[in-house]
PDB file of N, CA and C in Angstrom:
ATOM      1  N   MET A   1     -16.407  36.553 -12.627  1.00  0.00           N
ATOM      2  CA  MET A   1     -15.111  35.942 -12.579  1.00  0.00           C
ATOM      3  C   MET A   1     -14.181  36.853 -11.792  1.00  0.00           C
ATOM      4  N   ALA A   2     -13.279  36.249 -11.046  1.00  0.00           N
ATOM      5  CA  ALA A   2     -12.249  36.976 -10.318  1.00  0.00           C
ATOM      6  C   ALA A   2     -11.034  36.063 -10.234  1.00  0.00           C
ATOM      7  N   VAL A   3      -9.887  36.650  -9.988  1.00  0.00           N
ATOM      8  CA  VAL A   3      -8.668  35.868  -9.872  1.00  0.00           C
ATOM      9  C   VAL A   3      -7.835  36.424  -8.725  1.00  0.00           C
ATOM     10  N   ALA A   4      -7.201  35.513  -8.007  1.00  0.00           N
ATOM     11  CA  ALA A   4      -6.264  35.914  -6.955  1.00  0.00           C
ATOM     12  C   ALA A   4      -4.874  35.482  -7.406  1.00  0.00           C
ATOM     13  N   HIS A   5      -3.967  36.435  -7.429  1.00  0.00           N
ATOM     14  CA  HIS A   5      -2.626  36.147  -7.943  1.00  0.00           C
ATOM     15  C   HIS A   5      -1.718  37.299  -7.533  1.00  0.00           C
ATOM     16  N   HIS A   6      -0.428  37.134  -7.747  1.00  0.00           N
ATOM     17  CA  HIS A   6       0.489  38.241  -7.536  1.00  0.00           C
ATOM     18  C   HIS A   6       0.081  39.357  -8.493  1.00  0.00           C
ATOM     19  N   LEU A   7      -0.172  40.545  -7.961  1.00  0.00           N
ATOM     20  CA  LEU A   7      -0.760  41.620  -8.761  1.00  0.00           C
ATOM     21  C   LEU A   7       0.082  42.050  -9.952  1.00  0.00           C
ATOM     22  N   ASP A   8       1.393  41.826  -9.886  1.00  0.00           N
ATOM     23  CA  ASP A   8       2.259  42.256 -10.987  1.00  0.00           C
ATOM     24  C   ASP A   8       2.617  41.116 -11.937  1.00  0.00           C
ATOM     25  N   SER A   9       1.985  39.963 -11.774  1.00  0.00           N
ATOM     26  CA  SER A   9       2.282  38.827 -12.649  1.00  0.00           C
ATOM     27  C   SER A   9       1.581  39.004 -13.998  1.00  0.00           C
ATOM     28  N   PRO A  10       2.105  38.379 -15.050  1.00  0.00           N
ATOM     29  CA  PRO A  10       1.445  38.463 -16.360  1.00  0.00           C
ATOM     30  C   PRO A  10      -0.003  37.959 -16.315  1.00  0.00           C
ATOM     31  N   VAL A  11      -0.264  36.930 -15.513  1.00  0.00           N
ATOM     32  CA  VAL A  11      -1.630  36.397 -15.399  1.00  0.00           C
ATOM     33  C   VAL A  11      -2.556  37.464 -14.830  1.00  0.00           C
ATOM     34  N   ALA A  12      -2.169  38.073 -13.719  1.00  0.00           N
ATOM     35  CA  ALA A  12      -3.002  39.093 -13.072  1.00  0.00           C
ATOM     36  C   ALA A  12      -3.170  40.307 -13.976  1.00  0.00           C
ATOM     37  N   LEU A  13      -2.102  40.744 -14.618  1.00  0.00           N
ATOM     38  CA  LEU A  13      -2.183  41.908 -15.493  1.00  0.00           C
ATOM     39  C   LEU A  13      -3.106  41.647 -16.678  1.00  0.00           C
ATOM     40  N   GLY A  14      -3.054  40.433 -17.214  1.00  0.00           N
ATOM     41  CA  GLY A  14      -3.941  40.079 -18.327  1.00  0.00           C
ATOM     42  C   GLY A  14      -5.399  40.105 -17.913  1.00  0.00           C
ATOM     43  N   PHE A  15      -5.694  39.551 -16.748  1.00  0.00           N
ATOM     44  CA  PHE A  15      -7.069  39.577 -16.262  1.00  0.00           C
ATOM     45  C   PHE A  15      -7.516  41.004 -15.971  1.00  0.00           C
ATOM     46  N   ALA A  16      -6.652  41.778 -15.347  1.00  0.00           N
ATOM     47  CA  ALA A  16      -7.002  43.162 -15.004  1.00  0.00           C
ATOM     48  C   ALA A  16      -7.315  43.969 -16.266  1.00  0.00           C
ATOM     49  N   GLN A  17      -6.557  43.752 -17.339  1.00  0.00           N
ATOM     50  CA  GLN A  17      -6.815  44.456 -18.597  1.00  0.00           C
ATOM     51  C   GLN A  17      -8.172  44.074 -19.185  1.00  0.00           C
ATOM     52  N   SER A  18      -8.661  42.889 -18.819  1.00  0.00           N
ATOM     53  CA  SER A  18      -9.982  42.438 -19.279  1.00  0.00           C
ATOM     54  C   SER A  18     -11.072  42.806 -18.275  1.00  0.00           C
ATOM     55  N   HIS A  19     -10.726  43.655 -17.324  1.00  0.00           N
ATOM     56  CA  HIS A  19     -11.657  44.139 -16.299  1.00  0.00           C
ATOM     57  C   HIS A  19     -12.173  43.041 -15.379  1.00  0.00           C
ATOM     58  N   VAL A  20     -11.348  42.027 -15.151  1.00  0.00           N
ATOM     59  CA  VAL A  20     -11.671  40.966 -14.193  1.00  0.00           C
ATOM     60  C   VAL A  20     -11.032  41.367 -12.871  1.00  0.00           C
ATOM     61  N   PRO A  21     -11.809  41.356 -11.776  1.00  0.00           N
ATOM     62  CA  PRO A  21     -11.221  41.717 -10.477  1.00  0.00           C
ATOM     63  C   PRO A  21     -10.053  40.802 -10.118  1.00  0.00           C
ATOM     64  N   VAL A  22      -8.961  41.391  -9.656  1.00  0.00           N
ATOM     65  CA  VAL A  22      -7.773  40.646  -9.262  1.00  0.00           C
ATOM     66  C   VAL A  22      -7.495  40.947  -7.796  1.00  0.00           C
ATOM     67  N   TYR A  23      -7.307  39.900  -7.015  1.00  0.00           N
ATOM     68  CA  TYR A  23      -7.049  40.032  -5.585  1.00  0.00           C
ATOM     69  C   TYR A  23      -5.660  39.500  -5.278  1.00  0.00           C
ATOM     70  N   ARG A  24      -5.013  40.108  -4.316  1.00  0.00           N
ATOM     71  CA  ARG A  24      -3.688  39.672  -3.878  1.00  0.00           C
ATOM     72  C   ARG A  24      -3.795  38.381  -3.058  1.00  0.00           C
ATOM     73  N   ASP A  25      -4.843  38.272  -2.272  1.00  0.00           N
ATOM     74  CA  ASP A  25      -5.025  37.150  -1.353  1.00  0.00           C
ATOM     75  C   ASP A  25      -6.231  36.323  -1.804  1.00  0.00           C
ATOM     76  N   ALA A  26      -6.039  35.029  -1.971  1.00  0.00           N
ATOM     77  CA  ALA A  26      -7.122  34.154  -2.428  1.00  0.00           C
ATOM     78  C   ALA A  26      -8.342  34.223  -1.517  1.00  0.00           C
ATOM     79  N   LEU A  27      -8.128  34.452  -0.242  1.00  0.00           N
ATOM     80  CA  LEU A  27      -9.249  34.491   0.692  1.00  0.00           C
ATOM     81  C   LEU A  27     -10.129  35.720   0.481  1.00  0.00           C
ATOM     82  N   GLU A  28      -9.611  36.747  -0.195  1.00  0.00           N
ATOM     83  CA  GLU A  28     -10.413  37.934  -0.485  1.00  0.00           C
ATOM     84  C   GLU A  28     -11.583  37.610  -1.418  1.00  0.00           C
ATOM     85  N   VAL A  29     -11.452  36.563  -2.195  1.00  0.00           N
ATOM     86  CA  VAL A  29     -12.519  36.169  -3.105  1.00  0.00           C
ATOM     87  C   VAL A  29     -13.782  35.821  -2.313  1.00  0.00           C
ATOM     88  N   LEU A  30     -13.604  35.364  -1.081  1.00  0.00           N
ATOM     89  CA  LEU A  30     -14.750  35.018  -0.243  1.00  0.00           C
ATOM     90  C   LEU A  30     -15.648  36.214   0.033  1.00  0.00           C
ATOM     91  N   SER A  31     -15.097  37.420  -0.059  1.00  0.00           N
ATOM     92  CA  SER A  31     -15.895  38.625   0.196  1.00  0.00           C
ATOM     93  C   SER A  31     -16.984  38.821  -0.862  1.00  0.00           C
ATOM     94  N   LEU A  32     -16.868  38.121  -1.991  1.00  0.00           N
ATOM     95  CA  LEU A  32     -17.872  38.211  -3.043  1.00  0.00           C
ATOM     96  C   LEU A  32     -19.117  37.390  -2.710  1.00  0.00           C
ATOM     97  N   GLY A  33     -19.028  36.585  -1.670  1.00  0.00           N
ATOM     98  CA  GLY A  33     -20.170  35.805  -1.210  1.00  0.00           C
ATOM     99  C   GLY A  33     -20.706  34.862  -2.267  1.00  0.00           C
ATOM    100  N   GLU A  34     -22.032  34.789  -2.343  1.00  0.00           N
ATOM    101  CA  GLU A  34     -22.684  33.842  -3.241  1.00  0.00           C
ATOM    102  C   GLU A  34     -22.678  34.282  -4.700  1.00  0.00           C
ATOM    103  N   LYS A  35     -21.992  35.380  -5.001  1.00  0.00           N
ATOM    104  CA  LYS A  35     -21.781  35.756  -6.400  1.00  0.00           C
ATOM    105  C   LYS A  35     -20.801  34.794  -7.069  1.00  0.00           C
ATOM    106  N   VAL A  36     -20.051  34.055  -6.247  1.00  0.00           N
ATOM    107  CA  VAL A  36     -19.071  33.094  -6.745  1.00  0.00           C
ATOM    108  C   VAL A  36     -19.716  31.711  -6.752  1.00  0.00           C
ATOM    109  N   ASP A  37     -19.716  31.080  -7.917  1.00  0.00           N
ATOM    110  CA  ASP A  37     -20.269  29.730  -8.022  1.00  0.00           C
ATOM    111  C   ASP A  37     -19.230  28.673  -7.664  1.00  0.00           C
ATOM    112  N   VAL A  38     -18.033  28.793  -8.281  1.00  0.00           N
ATOM    113  CA  VAL A  38     -17.000  27.782  -8.112  1.00  0.00           C
ATOM    114  C   VAL A  38     -15.660  28.472  -7.863  1.00  0.00           C
ATOM    115  N   ILE A  39     -14.923  27.950  -6.905  1.00  0.00           N
ATOM    116  CA  ILE A  39     -13.549  28.405  -6.665  1.00  0.00           C
ATOM    117  C   ILE A  39     -12.620  27.302  -7.150  1.00  0.00           C
ATOM    118  N   PHE A  40     -11.698  27.679  -8.032  1.00  0.00           N
ATOM    119  CA  PHE A  40     -10.673  26.756  -8.510  1.00  0.00           C
ATOM    120  C   PHE A  40      -9.378  27.112  -7.795  1.00  0.00           C
ATOM    121  N   ASP A  41      -9.019  26.323  -6.813  1.00  0.00           N
ATOM    122  CA  ASP A  41      -7.799  26.568  -6.041  1.00  0.00           C
ATOM    123  C   ASP A  41      -6.649  25.846  -6.721  1.00  0.00           C
ATOM    124  N   LEU A  42      -5.780  26.613  -7.370  1.00  0.00           N
ATOM    125  CA  LEU A  42      -4.626  26.050  -8.064  1.00  0.00           C
ATOM    126  C   LEU A  42      -3.324  26.325  -7.324  1.00  0.00           C
ATOM    127  N   THR A  43      -3.438  26.720  -6.054  1.00  0.00           N
ATOM    128  CA  THR A  43      -2.248  27.089  -5.296  1.00  0.00           C
ATOM    129  C   THR A  43      -1.429  25.895  -4.847  1.00  0.00           C
ATOM    130  N   GLY A  44      -2.091  24.768  -4.590  1.00  0.00           N
ATOM    131  CA  GLY A  44      -1.383  23.620  -4.021  1.00  0.00           C
ATOM    132  C   GLY A  44      -1.051  23.828  -2.553  1.00  0.00           C
ATOM    133  N   ASN A  45      -1.552  24.896  -1.975  1.00  0.00           N
ATOM    134  CA  ASN A  45      -1.270  25.248  -0.583  1.00  0.00           C
ATOM    135  C   ASN A  45      -2.426  24.775   0.299  1.00  0.00           C
ATOM    136  N   THR A  46      -2.155  23.807   1.171  1.00  0.00           N
ATOM    137  CA  THR A  46      -3.220  23.250   2.015  1.00  0.00           C
ATOM    138  C   THR A  46      -3.783  24.275   2.989  1.00  0.00           C
ATOM    139  N   ASP A  47      -2.980  25.234   3.428  1.00  0.00           N
ATOM    140  CA  ASP A  47      -3.480  26.271   4.339  1.00  0.00           C
ATOM    141  C   ASP A  47      -4.503  27.165   3.632  1.00  0.00           C
ATOM    142  N   ILE A  48      -4.239  27.495   2.380  1.00  0.00           N
ATOM    143  CA  ILE A  48      -5.196  28.313   1.626  1.00  0.00           C
ATOM    144  C   ILE A  48      -6.479  27.535   1.397  1.00  0.00           C
ATOM    145  N   ARG A  49      -6.366  26.278   1.003  1.00  0.00           N
ATOM    146  CA  ARG A  49      -7.567  25.465   0.768  1.00  0.00           C
ATOM    147  C   ARG A  49      -8.388  25.366   2.050  1.00  0.00           C
ATOM    148  N   GLN A  50      -7.738  25.136   3.180  1.00  0.00           N
ATOM    149  CA  GLN A  50      -8.462  25.059   4.450  1.00  0.00           C
ATOM    150  C   GLN A  50      -9.078  26.414   4.795  1.00  0.00           C
ATOM    151  N   GLY A  51      -8.362  27.507   4.521  1.00  0.00           N
ATOM    152  CA  GLY A  51      -8.893  28.846   4.772  1.00  0.00           C
ATOM    153  C   GLY A  51     -10.138  29.126   3.941  1.00  0.00           C
ATOM    154  N   LEU A  52     -10.121  28.666   2.697  1.00  0.00           N
ATOM    155  CA  LEU A  52     -11.292  28.830   1.841  1.00  0.00           C
ATOM    156  C   LEU A  52     -12.478  28.042   2.391  1.00  0.00           C
ATOM    157  N   ARG A  53     -12.234  26.807   2.780  1.00  0.00           N
ATOM    158  CA  ARG A  53     -13.308  25.977   3.337  1.00  0.00           C
ATOM    159  C   ARG A  53     -13.873  26.591   4.610  1.00  0.00           C
ATOM    160  N   THR A  54     -12.981  27.008   5.493  1.00  0.00           N
ATOM    161  CA  THR A  54     -13.408  27.605   6.760  1.00  0.00           C
ATOM    162  C   THR A  54     -14.182  28.893   6.512  1.00  0.00           C
ATOM    163  N   GLY A  55     -13.673  29.722   5.600  1.00  0.00           N
ATOM    164  CA  GLY A  55     -14.340  30.983   5.287  1.00  0.00           C
ATOM    165  C   GLY A  55     -15.745  30.783   4.734  1.00  0.00           C
ATOM    166  N   LEU A  56     -15.905  29.797   3.859  1.00  0.00           N
ATOM    167  CA  LEU A  56     -17.231  29.505   3.319  1.00  0.00           C
ATOM    168  C   LEU A  56     -18.172  29.036   4.425  1.00  0.00           C
ATOM    169  N   GLN A  57     -17.659  28.172   5.279  1.00  0.00           N
ATOM    170  CA  GLN A  57     -18.482  27.646   6.363  1.00  0.00           C
ATOM    171  C   GLN A  57     -18.880  28.747   7.344  1.00  0.00           C
ATOM    172  N   GLU A  58     -17.913  29.558   7.750  1.00  0.00           N
ATOM    173  CA  GLU A  58     -18.189  30.617   8.728  1.00  0.00           C
ATOM    174  C   GLU A  58     -19.137  31.678   8.186  1.00  0.00           C
ATOM    175  N   SER A  59     -19.100  31.905   6.880  1.00  0.00           N
ATOM    176  CA  SER A  59     -19.976  32.912   6.287  1.00  0.00           C
ATOM    177  C   SER A  59     -21.381  32.376   6.025  1.00  0.00           C
ATOM    178  N   GLY A  60     -21.551  31.063   6.170  1.00  0.00           N
ATOM    179  CA  GLY A  60     -22.843  30.461   5.876  1.00  0.00           C
ATOM    180  C   GLY A  60     -23.107  30.315   4.387  1.00  0.00           C
ATOM    181  N   ASN A  61     -22.077  30.480   3.576  1.00  0.00           N
ATOM    182  CA  ASN A  61     -22.207  30.372   2.126  1.00  0.00           C
ATOM    183  C   ASN A  61     -22.338  28.902   1.746  1.00  0.00           C
ATOM    184  N   ARG A  62     -23.535  28.503   1.395  1.00  0.00           N
ATOM    185  CA  ARG A  62     -23.798  27.119   0.985  1.00  0.00           C
ATOM    186  C   ARG A  62     -23.899  27.010  -0.542  1.00  0.00           C
ATOM    187  N   HIS A  63     -23.689  28.121  -1.217  1.00  0.00           N
ATOM    188  CA  HIS A  63     -23.802  28.158  -2.678  1.00  0.00           C
ATOM    189  C   HIS A  63     -22.465  27.845  -3.352  1.00  0.00           C
ATOM    190  N   THR A  64     -21.410  28.514  -2.928  1.00  0.00           N
ATOM    191  CA  THR A  64     -20.093  28.402  -3.563  1.00  0.00           C
ATOM    192  C   THR A  64     -19.450  27.062  -3.232  1.00  0.00           C
ATOM    193  N   VAL A  65     -18.865  26.437  -4.248  1.00  0.00           N
ATOM    194  CA  VAL A  65     -18.145  25.180  -4.032  1.00  0.00           C
ATOM    195  C   VAL A  65     -16.687  25.361  -4.424  1.00  0.00           C
ATOM    196  N   ILE A  66     -15.827  24.564  -3.815  1.00  0.00           N
ATOM    197  CA  ILE A  66     -14.406  24.531  -4.178  1.00  0.00           C
ATOM    198  C   ILE A  66     -14.207  23.282  -5.026  1.00  0.00           C
ATOM    199  N   ALA A  67     -13.784  23.491  -6.261  1.00  0.00           N
ATOM    200  CA  ALA A  67     -13.564  22.360  -7.160  1.00  0.00           C
ATOM    201  C   ALA A  67     -12.416  21.505  -6.636  1.00  0.00           C
ATOM    202  N   PRO A  68     -12.552  20.187  -6.724  1.00  0.00           N
ATOM    203  CA  PRO A  68     -11.428  19.328  -6.344  1.00  0.00           C
ATOM    204  C   PRO A  68     -10.190  19.701  -7.152  1.00  0.00           C
ATOM    205  N   ALA A  69      -9.031  19.572  -6.563  1.00  0.00           N
ATOM    206  CA  ALA A  69      -7.777  19.988  -7.193  1.00  0.00           C
ATOM    207  C   ALA A  69      -7.570  19.331  -8.553  1.00  0.00           C
ATOM    208  N   VAL A  70      -7.909  18.075  -8.681  1.00  0.00           N
ATOM    209  CA  VAL A  70      -7.696  17.382  -9.951  1.00  0.00           C
ATOM    210  C   VAL A  70      -8.549  18.009 -11.059  1.00  0.00           C
ATOM    211  N   ILE A  71      -9.763  18.429 -10.745  1.00  0.00           N
ATOM    212  CA  ILE A  71     -10.626  19.078 -11.738  1.00  0.00           C
ATOM    213  C   ILE A  71     -10.087  20.462 -12.074  1.00  0.00           C
ATOM    214  N   ALA A  72      -9.669  21.204 -11.055  1.00  0.00           N
ATOM    215  CA  ALA A  72      -9.110  22.535 -11.283  1.00  0.00           C
ATOM    216  C   ALA A  72      -7.887  22.459 -12.188  1.00  0.00           C
ATOM    217  N   ASN A  73      -7.003  21.506 -11.931  1.00  0.00           N
ATOM    218  CA  ASN A  73      -5.801  21.356 -12.758  1.00  0.00           C
ATOM    219  C   ASN A  73      -6.133  20.898 -14.169  1.00  0.00           C
ATOM    220  N   LEU A  74      -7.103  20.012 -14.311  1.00  0.00           N
ATOM    221  CA  LEU A  74      -7.517  19.571 -15.644  1.00  0.00           C
ATOM    222  C   LEU A  74      -8.037  20.746 -16.452  1.00  0.00           C
ATOM    223  N   LEU A  75      -8.908  21.548 -15.859  1.00  0.00           N
ATOM    224  CA  LEU A  75      -9.442  22.707 -16.572  1.00  0.00           C
ATOM    225  C   LEU A  75      -8.353  23.716 -16.903  1.00  0.00           C
ATOM    226  N   TRP A  76      -7.405  23.909 -15.985  1.00  0.00           N
ATOM    227  CA  TRP A  76      -6.320  24.861 -16.238  1.00  0.00           C
ATOM    228  C   TRP A  76      -5.529  24.465 -17.479  1.00  0.00           C
ATOM    229  N   MET A  77      -5.371  23.160 -17.706  1.00  0.00           N
ATOM    230  CA  MET A  77      -4.633  22.708 -18.886  1.00  0.00           C
ATOM    231  C   MET A  77      -5.315  23.180 -20.172  1.00  0.00           C
ATOM    232  N   PHE A  78      -6.632  23.301 -20.157  1.00  0.00           N
ATOM    233  CA  PHE A  78      -7.343  23.750 -21.349  1.00  0.00           C
ATOM    234  C   PHE A  78      -7.187  25.253 -21.576  1.00  0.00           C
ATOM    235  N   PHE A  79      -6.880  25.994 -20.516  1.00  0.00           N
ATOM    236  CA  PHE A  79      -6.686  27.439 -20.645  1.00  0.00           C
ATOM    237  C   PHE A  79      -5.249  27.800 -20.954  1.00  0.00           C
ATOM    238  N   ASP A  80      -4.330  26.899 -20.716  1.00  0.00           N
ATOM    239  CA  ASP A  80      -2.904  27.151 -20.880  1.00  0.00           C
ATOM    240  C   ASP A  80      -2.472  26.657 -22.258  1.00  0.00           C
ATOM    241  N   ASP A  81      -2.199  27.591 -23.151  1.00  0.00           N
ATOM    242  CA  ASP A  81      -1.831  27.234 -24.517  1.00  0.00           C
ATOM    243  C   ASP A  81      -0.554  26.405 -24.609  1.00  0.00           C
ATOM    244  N   SER A  82       0.296  26.469 -23.595  1.00  0.00           N
ATOM    245  CA  SER A  82       1.578  25.781 -23.665  1.00  0.00           C
ATOM    246  C   SER A  82       1.497  24.330 -23.207  1.00  0.00           C
ATOM    247  N   THR A  83       0.335  23.893 -22.742  1.00  0.00           N
ATOM    248  CA  THR A  83       0.199  22.544 -22.217  1.00  0.00           C
ATOM    249  C   THR A  83      -0.521  21.652 -23.219  1.00  0.00           C
ATOM    250  N   ASP A  84       0.118  20.553 -23.569  1.00  0.00           N
ATOM    251  CA  ASP A  84      -0.528  19.552 -24.408  1.00  0.00           C
ATOM    252  C   ASP A  84      -1.201  18.536 -23.488  1.00  0.00           C
ATOM    253  N   VAL A  85      -2.480  18.294 -23.703  1.00  0.00           N
ATOM    254  CA  VAL A  85      -3.223  17.351 -22.886  1.00  0.00           C
ATOM    255  C   VAL A  85      -3.057  15.961 -23.482  1.00  0.00           C
ATOM    256  N   ASN A  86      -2.530  15.037 -22.691  1.00  0.00           N
ATOM    257  CA  ASN A  86      -2.366  13.656 -23.109  1.00  0.00           C
ATOM    258  C   ASN A  86      -3.360  12.819 -22.313  1.00  0.00           C
ATOM    259  N   LEU A  87      -4.493  12.463 -22.934  1.00  0.00           N
ATOM    260  CA  LEU A  87      -5.528  11.732 -22.233  1.00  0.00           C
ATOM    261  C   LEU A  87      -5.058  10.363 -21.764  1.00  0.00           C
ATOM    262  N   ASN A  88      -4.105   9.765 -22.461  1.00  0.00           N
ATOM    263  CA  ASN A  88      -3.595   8.454 -22.019  1.00  0.00           C
ATOM    264  C   ASN A  88      -2.914   8.573 -20.656  1.00  0.00           C
ATOM    265  N   GLU A  89      -2.165   9.647 -20.439  1.00  0.00           N
ATOM    266  CA  GLU A  89      -1.504   9.852 -19.144  1.00  0.00           C
ATOM    267  C   GLU A  89      -2.509  10.127 -18.043  1.00  0.00           C
ATOM    268  N   MET A  90      -3.700  10.625 -18.415  1.00  0.00           N
ATOM    269  CA  MET A  90      -4.697  10.974 -17.426  1.00  0.00           C
ATOM    270  C   MET A  90      -5.676   9.825 -17.196  1.00  0.00           C
ATOM    271  N   GLY A  91      -5.442   8.673 -17.823  1.00  0.00           N
ATOM    272  CA  GLY A  91      -6.333   7.542 -17.661  1.00  0.00           C
ATOM    273  C   GLY A  91      -7.516   7.584 -18.609  1.00  0.00           C
ATOM    274  N   GLY A  92      -7.471   8.468 -19.611  1.00  0.00           N
ATOM    275  CA  GLY A  92      -8.563   8.582 -20.575  1.00  0.00           C
ATOM    276  C   GLY A  92      -8.337   7.686 -21.759  1.00  0.00           C
ATOM    277  N   TYR A  93      -9.132   7.871 -22.762  1.00  0.00           N
ATOM    278  CA  TYR A  93      -9.055   7.022 -23.960  1.00  0.00           C
ATOM    279  C   TYR A  93      -8.593   7.804 -25.155  1.00  0.00           C
TER     280      TYR A  93
END
């Protein structure tokens, strides 16, 4: 596991205390190569998403996948204690 975030943010500091590698730039995660199974891009930044796709392609990494934004956001809701998941709003039952 690794996370890219502002290094002084509570999220990054929490991960760092758990000995999870923290990167300033999301594209640095690509340096881990095929050690990364899934990238969850929660930035909402199309340039970063395109950079991740291009980086994977240029490196020949056919193992790592970028989760669709809707899946990444859904999973993030389960990790965020402050978010109540309303399945009716998400089209669930």
